[in-house]
Amino acid sequence: MGRLVMALIVLALIGTAGLAGYAYLGDLSPAQAEVKVPVTLHAD
């Protein structure tokens, strides 16, 4: 039973390290594009 618990702890640590590595090294920036929309202003 001790080996099973130790294996789960090791897998949790590896998963946490993998998630942290992906967060730091993964390309999570959004795609950027210029948008031009004509606007009609009614002053009166």
C-alpha atoms as a PDB file:
ATOM      1  CA  MET A   1       0.000   0.000   0.000  1.00  0.00           C
ATOM      2  CA  GLY A   2       2.935   2.312   0.706  1.00  0.00           C
ATOM      3  CA  ARG A   3       4.268   1.883  -2.841  1.00  0.00           C
ATOM      4  CA  LEU A   4       0.905   2.871  -4.306  1.00  0.00           C
ATOM      5  CA  VAL A   5       0.746   6.045  -2.223  1.00  0.00           C
ATOM      6  CA  MET A   6       4.359   6.910  -3.121  1.00  0.00           C
ATOM      7  CA  ALA A   7       3.630   6.327  -6.821  1.00  0.00           C
ATOM      8  CA  LEU A   8       0.608   8.634  -6.645  1.00  0.00           C
ATOM      9  CA  ILE A   9       2.660  11.343  -4.938  1.00  0.00           C
ATOM     10  CA  VAL A  10       5.392  11.060  -7.566  1.00  0.00           C
ATOM     11  CA  LEU A  11       2.837  11.249 -10.387  1.00  0.00           C
ATOM     12  CA  ALA A  12       1.206  14.293  -8.792  1.00  0.00           C
ATOM     13  CA  LEU A  13       4.584  16.038  -8.534  1.00  0.00           C
ATOM     14  CA  ILE A  14       5.451  15.223 -12.151  1.00  0.00           C
ATOM     15  CA  GLY A  15       2.042  16.463 -13.281  1.00  0.00           C
ATOM     16  CA  THR A  16       2.422  19.695 -11.321  1.00  0.00           C
ATOM     17  CA  ALA A  17       5.894  20.278 -12.753  1.00  0.00           C
ATOM     18  CA  GLY A  18       4.602  19.578 -16.262  1.00  0.00           C
ATOM     19  CA  LEU A  19       1.703  21.990 -15.850  1.00  0.00           C
ATOM     20  CA  ALA A  20       3.997  24.709 -14.493  1.00  0.00           C
ATOM     21  CA  GLY A  21       6.436  24.149 -17.365  1.00  0.00           C
ATOM     22  CA  TYR A  22       3.666  24.411 -19.927  1.00  0.00           C
ATOM     23  CA  ALA A  23       2.366  27.602 -18.309  1.00  0.00           C
ATOM     24  CA  TYR A  24       5.807  29.219 -18.487  1.00  0.00           C
ATOM     25  CA  LEU A  25       6.947  27.887 -21.852  1.00  0.00           C
ATOM     26  CA  GLY A  26       3.684  27.417 -23.750  1.00  0.00           C
ATOM     27  CA  ASP A  27       2.534  30.034 -26.250  1.00  0.00           C
ATOM     28  CA  LEU A  28      -0.579  31.346 -24.520  1.00  0.00           C
ATOM     29  CA  SER A  29      -0.664  34.812 -26.100  1.00  0.00           C
ATOM     30  CA  PRO A  30      -3.838  35.693 -28.027  1.00  0.00           C
ATOM     31  CA  ALA A  31      -3.764  36.357 -31.760  1.00  0.00           C
ATOM     32  CA  GLN A  32      -3.750  40.077 -32.491  1.00  0.00           C
ATOM     33  CA  ALA A  33      -5.270  41.807 -35.506  1.00  0.00           C
ATOM     34  CA  GLU A  34      -6.038  45.421 -36.352  1.00  0.00           C
ATOM     35  CA  VAL A  35      -9.759  46.135 -36.657  1.00  0.00           C
ATOM     36  CA  LYS A  36     -11.117  49.256 -38.342  1.00  0.00           C
ATOM     37  CA  VAL A  37     -14.840  49.945 -38.025  1.00  0.00           C
ATOM     38  CA  PRO A  38     -16.451  53.157 -39.311  1.00  0.00           C
ATOM     39  CA  VAL A  39     -18.435  55.060 -36.685  1.00  0.00           C
ATOM     40  CA  THR A  40     -21.211  57.551 -37.389  1.00  0.00           C
ATOM     41  CA  LEU A  41     -21.537  60.235 -34.719  1.00  0.00           C
ATOM     42  CA  HIS A  42     -24.767  62.221 -34.318  1.00  0.00           C
ATOM     43  CA  ALA A  43     -23.785  65.529 -32.670  1.00  0.00           C
ATOM     44  CA  ASP A  44     -27.251  67.150 -32.912  1.00  0.00           C
END
